[in-house]
Amino acid sequence: MKELLYKYAVIYLGTGCLMVGPYFVQTPYGKALSALGLALLTIQTQRTKSYNLSLLNIVGFIGYMYSIYMQLSE
């Protein structure tokens, strides 16, 4: 059950969010989808010990969160 949850909730949902998010990146929802996708896929990169990708995902996540904050504070 745990492996099934990992496969569908982390890998597929994270990939799906990153596939859809860029089409709506001008909106806060698109940025949030992309950030969610990066956060979910960071779990995968930690599991496979791909620490360089984990760092890129974290930096991207922070960038999307900052962009959402700046867009909503206008």
C-alpha atoms as a PDB file:
ATOM      1  CA  MET A   1       0.000   0.000   0.000  1.00  0.00           C
ATOM      2  CA  LYS A   2       2.806   2.398   0.898  1.00  0.00           C
ATOM      3  CA  GLU A   3       4.548   1.781  -2.435  1.00  0.00           C
ATOM      4  CA  LEU A   4       1.292   2.310  -4.330  1.00  0.00           C
ATOM      5  CA  LEU A   5       0.681   5.611  -2.518  1.00  0.00           C
ATOM      6  CA  TYR A   6       4.236   6.699  -3.320  1.00  0.00           C
ATOM      7  CA  LYS A   7       3.818   5.787  -6.989  1.00  0.00           C
ATOM      8  CA  TYR A   8       0.523   7.555  -7.563  1.00  0.00           C
ATOM      9  CA  ALA A   9       0.523  10.399  -5.050  1.00  0.00           C
ATOM     10  CA  VAL A  10       4.137  11.444  -5.333  1.00  0.00           C
ATOM     11  CA  ILE A  11       5.409  10.500  -8.775  1.00  0.00           C
ATOM     12  CA  TYR A  12       2.309  10.792 -10.966  1.00  0.00           C
ATOM     13  CA  LEU A  13       0.653  13.710  -9.170  1.00  0.00           C
ATOM     14  CA  GLY A  14       3.949  15.620  -8.999  1.00  0.00           C
ATOM     15  CA  THR A  15       4.638  14.990 -12.675  1.00  0.00           C
ATOM     16  CA  GLY A  16       1.087  15.976 -13.604  1.00  0.00           C
ATOM     17  CA  CYS A  17       1.347  19.237 -11.682  1.00  0.00           C
ATOM     18  CA  LEU A  18       4.599  20.091 -13.434  1.00  0.00           C
ATOM     19  CA  MET A  19       3.067  19.255 -16.811  1.00  0.00           C
ATOM     20  CA  VAL A  20      -0.001  21.481 -16.302  1.00  0.00           C
ATOM     21  CA  GLY A  21       1.458  24.324 -14.221  1.00  0.00           C
ATOM     22  CA  PRO A  22       3.494  26.066 -16.943  1.00  0.00           C
ATOM     23  CA  TYR A  23       0.390  26.665 -19.064  1.00  0.00           C
ATOM     24  CA  PHE A  24      -1.057  28.800 -16.269  1.00  0.00           C
ATOM     25  CA  VAL A  25       2.174  30.192 -14.812  1.00  0.00           C
ATOM     26  CA  GLN A  26       0.932  33.782 -15.191  1.00  0.00           C
ATOM     27  CA  THR A  27      -1.663  33.065 -12.497  1.00  0.00           C
ATOM     28  CA  PRO A  28      -1.049  32.213  -8.847  1.00  0.00           C
ATOM     29  CA  TYR A  29      -2.730  28.846  -9.472  1.00  0.00           C
ATOM     30  CA  GLY A  30      -0.208  27.894 -12.136  1.00  0.00           C
ATOM     31  CA  LYS A  31       2.669  28.859  -9.882  1.00  0.00           C
ATOM     32  CA  ALA A  32       1.128  26.908  -7.008  1.00  0.00           C
ATOM     33  CA  LEU A  33       0.724  23.833  -9.223  1.00  0.00           C
ATOM     34  CA  SER A  34       4.342  24.048 -10.298  1.00  0.00           C
ATOM     35  CA  ALA A  35       5.496  24.521  -6.709  1.00  0.00           C
ATOM     36  CA  LEU A  36       3.400  21.551  -5.582  1.00  0.00           C
ATOM     37  CA  GLY A  37       4.874  19.432  -8.363  1.00  0.00           C
ATOM     38  CA  LEU A  38       8.403  20.377  -7.345  1.00  0.00           C
ATOM     39  CA  ALA A  39       7.649  19.658  -3.689  1.00  0.00           C
ATOM     40  CA  LEU A  40       6.262  16.214  -4.510  1.00  0.00           C
ATOM     41  CA  LEU A  41       9.115  15.319  -6.832  1.00  0.00           C
ATOM     42  CA  THR A  42      11.616  16.395  -4.184  1.00  0.00           C
ATOM     43  CA  ILE A  43      10.429  13.361  -2.223  1.00  0.00           C
ATOM     44  CA  GLN A  44      11.397  11.201  -5.181  1.00  0.00           C
ATOM     45  CA  THR A  45      14.810  12.853  -5.559  1.00  0.00           C
ATOM     46  CA  GLN A  46      15.516  12.290  -1.864  1.00  0.00           C
ATOM     47  CA  ARG A  47      14.557   8.638  -2.168  1.00  0.00           C
ATOM     48  CA  THR A  48      16.877   8.129  -5.151  1.00  0.00           C
ATOM     49  CA  LYS A  49      19.610  10.199  -3.475  1.00  0.00           C
ATOM     50  CA  SER A  50      19.713  12.725  -6.326  1.00  0.00           C
ATOM     51  CA  TYR A  51      20.664  15.578  -4.047  1.00  0.00           C
ATOM     52  CA  ASN A  52      21.578  17.954  -6.866  1.00  0.00           C
ATOM     53  CA  LEU A  53      18.010  17.682  -8.196  1.00  0.00           C
ATOM     54  CA  SER A  54      16.654  18.117  -4.679  1.00  0.00           C
ATOM     55  CA  LEU A  55      18.519  21.414  -4.412  1.00  0.00           C
ATOM     56  CA  LEU A  56      17.166  22.573  -7.787  1.00  0.00           C
ATOM     57  CA  ASN A  57      13.626  21.619  -6.741  1.00  0.00           C
ATOM     58  CA  ILE A  58      13.932  23.500  -3.454  1.00  0.00           C
ATOM     59  CA  VAL A  59      15.269  26.618  -5.175  1.00  0.00           C
ATOM     60  CA  GLY A  60      12.472  26.419  -7.764  1.00  0.00           C
ATOM     61  CA  PHE A  61       9.865  25.961  -5.028  1.00  0.00           C
ATOM     62  CA  ILE A  62      11.133  29.030  -3.168  1.00  0.00           C
ATOM     63  CA  GLY A  63      11.113  31.000  -6.424  1.00  0.00           C
ATOM     64  CA  TYR A  64       7.498  30.092  -7.154  1.00  0.00           C
ATOM     65  CA  MET A  65       6.435  30.934  -3.595  1.00  0.00           C
ATOM     66  CA  TYR A  66       8.189  34.303  -3.801  1.00  0.00           C
ATOM     67  CA  SER A  67       6.559  34.998  -7.161  1.00  0.00           C
ATOM     68  CA  ILE A  68       3.108  34.145  -5.754  1.00  0.00           C
ATOM     69  CA  TYR A  69       3.738  36.414  -2.770  1.00  0.00           C
ATOM     70  CA  MET A  70       4.813  39.304  -5.003  1.00  0.00           C
ATOM     71  CA  GLN A  71       1.884  38.796  -7.374  1.00  0.00           C
ATOM     72  CA  LEU A  72      -0.686  38.716  -4.576  1.00  0.00           C
ATOM     73  CA  SER A  73       0.780  41.715  -2.742  1.00  0.00           C
ATOM     74  CA  GLU A  74       0.288  44.037  -5.737  1.00  0.00           C
END
